[in-house]
């Protein structure tokens, strides 16, 4: 068994994403989510390929709440660790990666970094009308996540030849720019983070409790789920380069927590005497 599980999951994750992306190119299974003419439509393979359907439980219940699940199993692991083996370093790592997640996908002095990248790479704010027409609107409506309709924003629909029903409404999205795969980014960071915690925390626990063993198993199960989610995302969604940049950003987010600032401190059990000096004599 390899000494460092971080290396194992890194190699496996890289292989999963590489194979899944290669398959998506060879068999044309991926949906280009940056194309405004395609992204609002069902995946062409959703009737034959279960995971191509965005409404599948893996996507709805797990991937869309990925950092919440990752945080839950991490805290279960940390809280079930014997007090003498518990340090603050894991909490610092979790807080840092939570900040990275927020900066890239939630808020960064306004729009998150991923949305800024879309705009900087030529993206525009669009709304797909029921007729199939893609309406271009000012980017502020996407950045503020506004809901629009012919009733609330009539000026936006003045140039449209076919107006949707008055009760129709939608939330416009940024398209056409480089849409970094947020799923690959978050799944990559989550897998590496959990593997790192299992490595560092488990190395200090000598007599694991039943709750602790349960927490370890739940972390390992979630890592397995994230591997499956990484494979389905790489096969069915985003262009190859968007998945690649998501992968790189995920690695970068995790790499921050490997800086010397986050180096683990050794926790010594009060009941275990330190024989390092006498052993050296």
C-alpha atoms as a PDB file:
ATOM      1  CA  UNK A   1       0.000   0.000   0.000  1.00  0.00           C
ATOM      2  CA  UNK A   2       1.413   3.438  -0.959  1.00  0.00           C
ATOM      3  CA  UNK A   3       2.691   5.463   1.964  1.00  0.00           C
ATOM      4  CA  UNK A   4       0.736   8.613   1.066  1.00  0.00           C
ATOM      5  CA  UNK A   5      -2.971   8.237   0.121  1.00  0.00           C
ATOM      6  CA  UNK A   6      -2.936  11.720  -1.359  1.00  0.00           C
ATOM      7  CA  UNK A   7      -0.743  10.452  -4.174  1.00  0.00           C
ATOM      8  CA  UNK A   8      -3.029   7.469  -4.715  1.00  0.00           C
ATOM      9  CA  UNK A   9      -6.212   9.527  -5.060  1.00  0.00           C
ATOM     10  CA  UNK A  10      -4.420  12.143  -7.170  1.00  0.00           C
ATOM     11  CA  UNK A  11      -3.258   9.512  -9.670  1.00  0.00           C
ATOM     12  CA  UNK A  12      -6.665   7.795  -9.711  1.00  0.00           C
ATOM     13  CA  UNK A  13      -8.541  11.081 -10.120  1.00  0.00           C
ATOM     14  CA  UNK A  14      -6.252  12.161 -12.963  1.00  0.00           C
ATOM     15  CA  UNK A  15      -6.821   8.815 -14.673  1.00  0.00           C
ATOM     16  CA  UNK A  16     -10.607   9.003 -14.214  1.00  0.00           C
ATOM     17  CA  UNK A  17     -10.826  12.504 -15.671  1.00  0.00           C
ATOM     18  CA  UNK A  18      -8.430  11.679 -18.518  1.00  0.00           C
ATOM     19  CA  UNK A  19     -10.288   8.491 -19.489  1.00  0.00           C
ATOM     20  CA  UNK A  20     -13.730  10.103 -19.120  1.00  0.00           C
ATOM     21  CA  UNK A  21     -12.763  13.146 -21.180  1.00  0.00           C
ATOM     22  CA  UNK A  22     -11.104  10.955 -23.824  1.00  0.00           C
ATOM     23  CA  UNK A  23     -14.279   8.881 -24.051  1.00  0.00           C
ATOM     24  CA  UNK A  24     -16.416  12.019 -24.377  1.00  0.00           C
ATOM     25  CA  UNK A  25     -14.316  13.210 -27.314  1.00  0.00           C
ATOM     26  CA  UNK A  26     -14.106   9.826 -29.036  1.00  0.00           C
ATOM     27  CA  UNK A  27     -17.862   9.194 -28.817  1.00  0.00           C
ATOM     28  CA  UNK A  28     -19.093  12.808 -28.783  1.00  0.00           C
ATOM     29  CA  UNK A  29     -20.954  12.393 -25.491  1.00  0.00           C
ATOM     30  CA  UNK A  30     -20.274  15.736 -23.835  1.00  0.00           C
ATOM     31  CA  UNK A  31     -22.589  18.750 -23.877  1.00  0.00           C
ATOM     32  CA  UNK A  32     -20.909  22.099 -24.488  1.00  0.00           C
ATOM     33  CA  UNK A  33     -22.447  24.076 -21.624  1.00  0.00           C
ATOM     34  CA  UNK A  34     -20.998  27.336 -22.972  1.00  0.00           C
ATOM     35  CA  UNK A  35     -23.164  27.172 -26.097  1.00  0.00           C
ATOM     36  CA  UNK A  36     -26.368  29.133 -25.352  1.00  0.00           C
ATOM     37  CA  UNK A  37     -28.216  27.231 -28.087  1.00  0.00           C
ATOM     38  CA  UNK A  38     -27.531  23.907 -26.355  1.00  0.00           C
ATOM     39  CA  UNK A  39     -27.109  24.463 -22.639  1.00  0.00           C
ATOM     40  CA  UNK A  40     -30.812  24.991 -21.813  1.00  0.00           C
ATOM     41  CA  UNK A  41     -31.810  21.867 -23.750  1.00  0.00           C
ATOM     42  CA  UNK A  42     -31.888  18.338 -22.300  1.00  0.00           C
ATOM     43  CA  UNK A  43     -28.739  16.338 -22.905  1.00  0.00           C
ATOM     44  CA  UNK A  44     -29.153  14.433 -26.209  1.00  0.00           C
ATOM     45  CA  UNK A  45     -28.274  11.183 -24.415  1.00  0.00           C
ATOM     46  CA  UNK A  46     -30.474  11.574 -21.351  1.00  0.00           C
ATOM     47  CA  UNK A  47     -32.987   8.960 -22.539  1.00  0.00           C
ATOM     48  CA  UNK A  48     -30.327   6.288 -23.048  1.00  0.00           C
ATOM     49  CA  UNK A  49     -27.566   7.254 -20.599  1.00  0.00           C
ATOM     50  CA  UNK A  50     -28.785   7.592 -17.007  1.00  0.00           C
ATOM     51  CA  UNK A  51     -26.076   9.977 -15.828  1.00  0.00           C
ATOM     52  CA  UNK A  52     -26.533  12.289 -18.820  1.00  0.00           C
ATOM     53  CA  UNK A  53     -29.811  13.404 -17.264  1.00  0.00           C
ATOM     54  CA  UNK A  54     -29.158  16.441 -15.066  1.00  0.00           C
ATOM     55  CA  UNK A  55     -32.068  15.406 -12.835  1.00  0.00           C
ATOM     56  CA  UNK A  56     -30.395  12.160 -11.721  1.00  0.00           C
ATOM     57  CA  UNK A  57     -29.975  11.824  -7.915  1.00  0.00           C
ATOM     58  CA  UNK A  58     -26.173  11.896  -8.084  1.00  0.00           C
ATOM     59  CA  UNK A  59     -26.293  15.377  -9.575  1.00  0.00           C
ATOM     60  CA  UNK A  60     -29.264  16.785  -7.657  1.00  0.00           C
ATOM     61  CA  UNK A  61     -28.569  15.355  -4.197  1.00  0.00           C
ATOM     62  CA  UNK A  62     -24.779  15.195  -4.168  1.00  0.00           C
ATOM     63  CA  UNK A  63     -22.869  17.169  -6.818  1.00  0.00           C
ATOM     64  CA  UNK A  64     -24.908  20.359  -6.422  1.00  0.00           C
ATOM     65  CA  UNK A  65     -24.269  20.211  -2.660  1.00  0.00           C
ATOM     66  CA  UNK A  66     -20.726  18.852  -2.909  1.00  0.00           C
ATOM     67  CA  UNK A  67     -18.965  21.132  -0.426  1.00  0.00           C
ATOM     68  CA  UNK A  68     -21.772  20.699   2.105  1.00  0.00           C
ATOM     69  CA  UNK A  69     -21.367  16.895   2.007  1.00  0.00           C
ATOM     70  CA  UNK A  70     -17.580  17.202   2.134  1.00  0.00           C
ATOM     71  CA  UNK A  71     -17.796  19.522   5.143  1.00  0.00           C
ATOM     72  CA  UNK A  72     -20.266  17.232   6.943  1.00  0.00           C
ATOM     73  CA  UNK A  73     -18.134  14.082   6.766  1.00  0.00           C
ATOM     74  CA  UNK A  74     -14.992  16.065   7.598  1.00  0.00           C
ATOM     75  CA  UNK A  75     -16.502  17.462  10.790  1.00  0.00           C
ATOM     76  CA  UNK A  76     -17.769  14.026  11.764  1.00  0.00           C
ATOM     77  CA  UNK A  77     -14.223  12.722  11.385  1.00  0.00           C
ATOM     78  CA  UNK A  78     -12.632  15.604  13.281  1.00  0.00           C
ATOM     79  CA  UNK A  79     -15.157  15.595  16.138  1.00  0.00           C
ATOM     80  CA  UNK A  80     -14.911  11.817  16.578  1.00  0.00           C
ATOM     81  CA  UNK A  81     -11.122  12.000  16.839  1.00  0.00           C
ATOM     82  CA  UNK A  82      -9.873  11.445  20.425  1.00  0.00           C
ATOM     83  CA  UNK A  83      -9.201  14.801  22.064  1.00  0.00           C
ATOM     84  CA  UNK A  84      -5.513  14.060  22.620  1.00  0.00           C
ATOM     85  CA  UNK A  85      -5.074  13.471  18.871  1.00  0.00           C
ATOM     86  CA  UNK A  86      -7.172  16.425  17.715  1.00  0.00           C
ATOM     87  CA  UNK A  87      -5.403  19.522  16.373  1.00  0.00           C
ATOM     88  CA  UNK A  88      -6.584  22.809  14.896  1.00  0.00           C
ATOM     89  CA  UNK A  89      -4.746  22.346  11.593  1.00  0.00           C
ATOM     90  CA  UNK A  90      -7.597  20.416   9.910  1.00  0.00           C
ATOM     91  CA  UNK A  91     -10.023  23.211  10.808  1.00  0.00           C
ATOM     92  CA  UNK A  92      -7.658  25.784   9.333  1.00  0.00           C
ATOM     93  CA  UNK A  93      -7.418  23.755   6.130  1.00  0.00           C
ATOM     94  CA  UNK A  94     -11.183  23.386   5.923  1.00  0.00           C
ATOM     95  CA  UNK A  95     -11.722  27.126   6.480  1.00  0.00           C
ATOM     96  CA  UNK A  96      -9.153  27.961   3.798  1.00  0.00           C
ATOM     97  CA  UNK A  97     -10.678  25.649   1.220  1.00  0.00           C
ATOM     98  CA  UNK A  98     -14.149  26.925   2.100  1.00  0.00           C
ATOM     99  CA  UNK A  99     -12.856  30.410   1.347  1.00  0.00           C
ATOM    100  CA  UNK A 100     -11.439  29.175  -1.970  1.00  0.00           C
ATOM    101  CA  UNK A 101     -14.823  27.623  -2.799  1.00  0.00           C
ATOM    102  CA  UNK A 102     -16.600  30.884  -1.937  1.00  0.00           C
ATOM    103  CA  UNK A 103     -14.178  33.033  -3.952  1.00  0.00           C
ATOM    104  CA  UNK A 104     -14.482  30.905  -7.079  1.00  0.00           C
ATOM    105  CA  UNK A 105     -18.186  30.037  -7.017  1.00  0.00           C
ATOM    106  CA  UNK A 106     -19.969  32.415  -4.637  1.00  0.00           C
ATOM    107  CA  UNK A 107     -18.628  35.911  -4.111  1.00  0.00           C
ATOM    108  CA  UNK A 108     -15.387  37.803  -4.616  1.00  0.00           C
ATOM    109  CA  UNK A 109     -16.006  41.475  -3.905  1.00  0.00           C
ATOM    110  CA  UNK A 110     -18.941  41.095  -6.272  1.00  0.00           C
ATOM    111  CA  UNK A 111     -19.175  38.297  -8.874  1.00  0.00           C
ATOM    112  CA  UNK A 112     -17.210  35.099  -8.138  1.00  0.00           C
ATOM    113  CA  UNK A 113     -13.944  34.412  -9.959  1.00  0.00           C
ATOM    114  CA  UNK A 114     -15.443  31.802 -12.303  1.00  0.00           C
ATOM    115  CA  UNK A 115     -18.030  34.285 -13.571  1.00  0.00           C
ATOM    116  CA  UNK A 116     -15.351  36.944 -14.003  1.00  0.00           C
ATOM    117  CA  UNK A 117     -13.372  34.458 -16.117  1.00  0.00           C
ATOM    118  CA  UNK A 118     -16.379  33.853 -18.364  1.00  0.00           C
ATOM    119  CA  UNK A 119     -16.823  37.591 -18.973  1.00  0.00           C
ATOM    120  CA  UNK A 120     -13.097  38.151 -19.489  1.00  0.00           C
ATOM    121  CA  UNK A 121     -13.002  35.386 -22.113  1.00  0.00           C
ATOM    122  CA  UNK A 122     -15.819  36.845 -24.219  1.00  0.00           C
ATOM    123  CA  UNK A 123     -18.887  35.630 -22.365  1.00  0.00           C
ATOM    124  CA  UNK A 124     -22.227  37.381 -22.494  1.00  0.00           C
ATOM    125  CA  UNK A 125     -25.448  37.331 -20.532  1.00  0.00           C
ATOM    126  CA  UNK A 126     -28.255  35.554 -22.364  1.00  0.00           C
ATOM    127  CA  UNK A 127     -31.791  34.336 -21.740  1.00  0.00           C
ATOM    128  CA  UNK A 128     -33.247  31.420 -23.687  1.00  0.00           C
ATOM    129  CA  UNK A 129     -36.853  32.157 -24.672  1.00  0.00           C
ATOM    130  CA  UNK A 130     -39.459  29.385 -25.002  1.00  0.00           C
ATOM    131  CA  UNK A 131     -39.406  29.902 -28.779  1.00  0.00           C
ATOM    132  CA  UNK A 132     -35.746  28.869 -28.866  1.00  0.00           C
ATOM    133  CA  UNK A 133     -34.516  32.407 -29.462  1.00  0.00           C
ATOM    134  CA  UNK A 134     -31.488  33.390 -27.380  1.00  0.00           C
ATOM    135  CA  UNK A 135     -31.818  36.942 -26.127  1.00  0.00           C
ATOM    136  CA  UNK A 136     -28.673  38.892 -25.240  1.00  0.00           C
ATOM    137  CA  UNK A 137     -29.099  41.237 -22.263  1.00  0.00           C
ATOM    138  CA  UNK A 138     -26.789  43.420 -20.124  1.00  0.00           C
ATOM    139  CA  UNK A 139     -24.373  41.384 -18.008  1.00  0.00           C
ATOM    140  CA  UNK A 140     -25.547  43.016 -14.769  1.00  0.00           C
ATOM    141  CA  UNK A 141     -28.655  40.815 -14.816  1.00  0.00           C
ATOM    142  CA  UNK A 142     -26.494  37.696 -14.740  1.00  0.00           C
ATOM    143  CA  UNK A 143     -24.075  39.021 -12.146  1.00  0.00           C
ATOM    144  CA  UNK A 144     -26.930  39.944  -9.801  1.00  0.00           C
ATOM    145  CA  UNK A 145     -28.765  36.647 -10.564  1.00  0.00           C
ATOM    146  CA  UNK A 146     -31.927  38.584 -11.379  1.00  0.00           C
ATOM    147  CA  UNK A 147     -35.144  36.908 -12.504  1.00  0.00           C
ATOM    148  CA  UNK A 148     -36.619  38.576 -15.578  1.00  0.00           C
ATOM    149  CA  UNK A 149     -39.947  38.419 -17.433  1.00  0.00           C
ATOM    150  CA  UNK A 150     -41.845  40.492 -20.027  1.00  0.00           C
ATOM    151  CA  UNK A 151     -43.885  41.964 -17.163  1.00  0.00           C
ATOM    152  CA  UNK A 152     -41.033  42.959 -14.839  1.00  0.00           C
ATOM    153  CA  UNK A 153     -38.504  43.956 -17.538  1.00  0.00           C
ATOM    154  CA  UNK A 154     -40.441  44.876 -20.736  1.00  0.00           C
ATOM    155  CA  UNK A 155     -37.549  46.918 -22.162  1.00  0.00           C
ATOM    156  CA  UNK A 156     -35.351  43.803 -22.363  1.00  0.00           C
ATOM    157  CA  UNK A 157     -37.869  42.062 -24.618  1.00  0.00           C
ATOM    158  CA  UNK A 158     -38.608  45.030 -26.914  1.00  0.00           C
ATOM    159  CA  UNK A 159     -36.381  43.663 -29.686  1.00  0.00           C
ATOM    160  CA  UNK A 160     -37.784  40.138 -29.521  1.00  0.00           C
ATOM    161  CA  UNK A 161     -40.053  39.197 -32.434  1.00  0.00           C
ATOM    162  CA  UNK A 162     -41.761  36.444 -30.438  1.00  0.00           C
ATOM    163  CA  UNK A 163     -42.633  37.448 -26.892  1.00  0.00           C
ATOM    164  CA  UNK A 164     -43.065  34.683 -24.315  1.00  0.00           C
ATOM    165  CA  UNK A 165     -46.233  34.370 -22.276  1.00  0.00           C
ATOM    166  CA  UNK A 166     -46.656  37.105 -19.669  1.00  0.00           C
ATOM    167  CA  UNK A 167     -46.381  34.551 -16.851  1.00  0.00           C
ATOM    168  CA  UNK A 168     -43.086  33.224 -18.173  1.00  0.00           C
ATOM    169  CA  UNK A 169     -39.914  34.160 -16.291  1.00  0.00           C
ATOM    170  CA  UNK A 170     -36.303  33.034 -16.253  1.00  0.00           C
ATOM    171  CA  UNK A 171     -32.914  33.730 -14.760  1.00  0.00           C
ATOM    172  CA  UNK A 172     -30.362  34.650 -17.469  1.00  0.00           C
ATOM    173  CA  UNK A 173     -26.981  32.931 -17.538  1.00  0.00           C
ATOM    174  CA  UNK A 174     -23.478  33.755 -18.708  1.00  0.00           C
ATOM    175  CA  UNK A 175     -22.578  31.853 -21.884  1.00  0.00           C
ATOM    176  CA  UNK A 176     -20.122  31.761 -24.801  1.00  0.00           C
ATOM    177  CA  UNK A 177     -17.012  32.519 -22.734  1.00  0.00           C
ATOM    178  CA  UNK A 178     -14.709  29.946 -21.158  1.00  0.00           C
ATOM    179  CA  UNK A 179     -16.986  28.236 -18.628  1.00  0.00           C
ATOM    180  CA  UNK A 180     -14.565  26.526 -16.227  1.00  0.00           C
ATOM    181  CA  UNK A 181     -16.134  23.305 -14.958  1.00  0.00           C
ATOM    182  CA  UNK A 182     -17.139  24.216 -11.421  1.00  0.00           C
ATOM    183  CA  UNK A 183     -18.074  20.595 -10.751  1.00  0.00           C
ATOM    184  CA  UNK A 184     -14.631  19.282 -11.689  1.00  0.00           C
ATOM    185  CA  UNK A 185     -13.006  22.074  -9.684  1.00  0.00           C
ATOM    186  CA  UNK A 186     -14.986  21.317  -6.532  1.00  0.00           C
ATOM    187  CA  UNK A 187     -14.842  17.526  -6.845  1.00  0.00           C
ATOM    188  CA  UNK A 188     -11.079  17.615  -7.340  1.00  0.00           C
ATOM    189  CA  UNK A 189     -10.559  19.830  -4.315  1.00  0.00           C
ATOM    190  CA  UNK A 190     -12.968  17.770  -2.189  1.00  0.00           C
ATOM    191  CA  UNK A 191     -11.346  14.414  -3.006  1.00  0.00           C
ATOM    192  CA  UNK A 192      -7.842  15.658  -2.258  1.00  0.00           C
ATOM    193  CA  UNK A 193      -8.982  17.429   0.914  1.00  0.00           C
ATOM    194  CA  UNK A 194     -10.705  14.349   2.358  1.00  0.00           C
ATOM    195  CA  UNK A 195      -7.779  12.082   1.480  1.00  0.00           C
ATOM    196  CA  UNK A 196      -5.439  14.522   3.207  1.00  0.00           C
ATOM    197  CA  UNK A 197      -7.585  14.526   6.355  1.00  0.00           C
ATOM    198  CA  UNK A 198      -7.807  10.743   6.477  1.00  0.00           C
ATOM    199  CA  UNK A 199      -4.019  10.603   6.189  1.00  0.00           C
ATOM    200  CA  UNK A 200      -3.177  13.222   8.801  1.00  0.00           C
ATOM    201  CA  UNK A 201      -5.860  12.450  11.397  1.00  0.00           C
ATOM    202  CA  UNK A 202      -5.655   8.663  11.189  1.00  0.00           C
ATOM    203  CA  UNK A 203      -1.895   8.744  11.696  1.00  0.00           C
ATOM    204  CA  UNK A 204      -2.446  10.140  15.215  1.00  0.00           C
ATOM    205  CA  UNK A 205      -5.277   7.865  16.369  1.00  0.00           C
ATOM    206  CA  UNK A 206      -4.070   4.741  18.207  1.00  0.00           C
ATOM    207  CA  UNK A 207      -7.338   3.421  19.666  1.00  0.00           C
ATOM    208  CA  UNK A 208     -10.187   4.336  17.326  1.00  0.00           C
ATOM    209  CA  UNK A 209     -13.706   4.371  18.720  1.00  0.00           C
ATOM    210  CA  UNK A 210     -16.709   2.921  16.930  1.00  0.00           C
ATOM    211  CA  UNK A 211     -17.864   6.444  15.981  1.00  0.00           C
ATOM    212  CA  UNK A 212     -14.429   7.271  14.618  1.00  0.00           C
ATOM    213  CA  UNK A 213     -14.351   4.116  12.474  1.00  0.00           C
ATOM    214  CA  UNK A 214     -17.818   4.996  11.193  1.00  0.00           C
ATOM    215  CA  UNK A 215     -16.597   8.497  10.303  1.00  0.00           C
ATOM    216  CA  UNK A 216     -13.598   7.083   8.429  1.00  0.00           C
ATOM    217  CA  UNK A 217     -15.864   4.757   6.447  1.00  0.00           C
ATOM    218  CA  UNK A 218     -18.237   7.599   5.602  1.00  0.00           C
ATOM    219  CA  UNK A 219     -15.333   9.701   4.353  1.00  0.00           C
ATOM    220  CA  UNK A 220     -14.150   6.835   2.168  1.00  0.00           C
ATOM    221  CA  UNK A 221     -17.651   6.241   0.795  1.00  0.00           C
ATOM    222  CA  UNK A 222     -18.003   9.923  -0.071  1.00  0.00           C
ATOM    223  CA  UNK A 223     -14.635   9.891  -1.831  1.00  0.00           C
ATOM    224  CA  UNK A 224     -15.956   6.994  -3.900  1.00  0.00           C
ATOM    225  CA  UNK A 225     -19.110   8.967  -4.736  1.00  0.00           C
ATOM    226  CA  UNK A 226     -16.993  11.940  -5.782  1.00  0.00           C
ATOM    227  CA  UNK A 227     -14.955   9.686  -8.074  1.00  0.00           C
ATOM    228  CA  UNK A 228     -18.164   8.506  -9.740  1.00  0.00           C
ATOM    229  CA  UNK A 229     -19.358  12.108 -10.035  1.00  0.00           C
ATOM    230  CA  UNK A 230     -16.019  13.110 -11.599  1.00  0.00           C
ATOM    231  CA  UNK A 231     -16.367  10.340 -14.164  1.00  0.00           C
ATOM    232  CA  UNK A 232     -19.945  11.235 -15.132  1.00  0.00           C
ATOM    233  CA  UNK A 233     -19.086  14.933 -15.393  1.00  0.00           C
ATOM    234  CA  UNK A 234     -16.052  14.227 -17.574  1.00  0.00           C
ATOM    235  CA  UNK A 235     -18.095  11.980 -19.882  1.00  0.00           C
ATOM    236  CA  UNK A 236     -21.245  14.075 -20.308  1.00  0.00           C
ATOM    237  CA  UNK A 237     -20.657  17.752 -19.565  1.00  0.00           C
ATOM    238  CA  UNK A 238     -18.365  20.663 -20.486  1.00  0.00           C
ATOM    239  CA  UNK A 239     -15.754  20.847 -23.211  1.00  0.00           C
ATOM    240  CA  UNK A 240     -12.408  19.082 -22.618  1.00  0.00           C
ATOM    241  CA  UNK A 241     -10.528  22.326 -21.954  1.00  0.00           C
ATOM    242  CA  UNK A 242     -13.164  23.542 -19.479  1.00  0.00           C
ATOM    243  CA  UNK A 243     -12.788  20.293 -17.541  1.00  0.00           C
ATOM    244  CA  UNK A 244      -9.017  20.596 -17.654  1.00  0.00           C
ATOM    245  CA  UNK A 245      -9.034  24.131 -16.224  1.00  0.00           C
ATOM    246  CA  UNK A 246     -11.492  23.024 -13.529  1.00  0.00           C
ATOM    247  CA  UNK A 247      -9.091  20.214 -12.628  1.00  0.00           C
ATOM    248  CA  UNK A 248      -6.138  22.615 -12.431  1.00  0.00           C
ATOM    249  CA  UNK A 249      -8.052  25.073 -10.242  1.00  0.00           C
ATOM    250  CA  UNK A 250      -9.103  22.240  -7.924  1.00  0.00           C
ATOM    251  CA  UNK A 251      -5.490  21.166  -7.516  1.00  0.00           C
ATOM    252  CA  UNK A 252      -4.454  24.775  -6.906  1.00  0.00           C
ATOM    253  CA  UNK A 253      -7.127  25.198  -4.225  1.00  0.00           C
ATOM    254  CA  UNK A 254      -5.915  22.085  -2.433  1.00  0.00           C
ATOM    255  CA  UNK A 255      -2.234  22.983  -2.886  1.00  0.00           C
ATOM    256  CA  UNK A 256      -2.717  26.131  -0.801  1.00  0.00           C
ATOM    257  CA  UNK A 257      -3.356  23.949   2.258  1.00  0.00           C
ATOM    258  CA  UNK A 258      -0.049  22.142   1.736  1.00  0.00           C
ATOM    259  CA  UNK A 259       2.018  25.262   2.412  1.00  0.00           C
ATOM    260  CA  UNK A 260       4.219  25.297   5.552  1.00  0.00           C
ATOM    261  CA  UNK A 261       1.641  27.482   7.324  1.00  0.00           C
ATOM    262  CA  UNK A 262      -0.684  24.469   7.468  1.00  0.00           C
ATOM    263  CA  UNK A 263       1.906  21.939   8.618  1.00  0.00           C
ATOM    264  CA  UNK A 264       0.483  19.555  11.201  1.00  0.00           C
ATOM    265  CA  UNK A 265       1.658  19.863  14.781  1.00  0.00           C
ATOM    266  CA  UNK A 266       2.347  16.679  16.681  1.00  0.00           C
ATOM    267  CA  UNK A 267      -0.269  15.875  19.297  1.00  0.00           C
ATOM    268  CA  UNK A 268       1.024  13.700  22.120  1.00  0.00           C
ATOM    269  CA  UNK A 269      -1.383  11.795  24.313  1.00  0.00           C
ATOM    270  CA  UNK A 270      -1.076  12.751  28.009  1.00  0.00           C
ATOM    271  CA  UNK A 271      -1.204   9.062  28.905  1.00  0.00           C
ATOM    272  CA  UNK A 272       1.634   8.165  26.575  1.00  0.00           C
ATOM    273  CA  UNK A 273       5.123   9.038  27.880  1.00  0.00           C
ATOM    274  CA  UNK A 274       7.554  10.602  25.489  1.00  0.00           C
ATOM    275  CA  UNK A 275      10.493   8.169  25.245  1.00  0.00           C
ATOM    276  CA  UNK A 276      12.250   9.936  22.424  1.00  0.00           C
ATOM    277  CA  UNK A 277      15.017  11.257  24.694  1.00  0.00           C
ATOM    278  CA  UNK A 278      15.605   8.087  26.682  1.00  0.00           C
ATOM    279  CA  UNK A 279      15.429   6.028  23.523  1.00  0.00           C
ATOM    280  CA  UNK A 280      18.205   8.062  22.007  1.00  0.00           C
ATOM    281  CA  UNK A 281      20.503   7.572  24.988  1.00  0.00           C
END
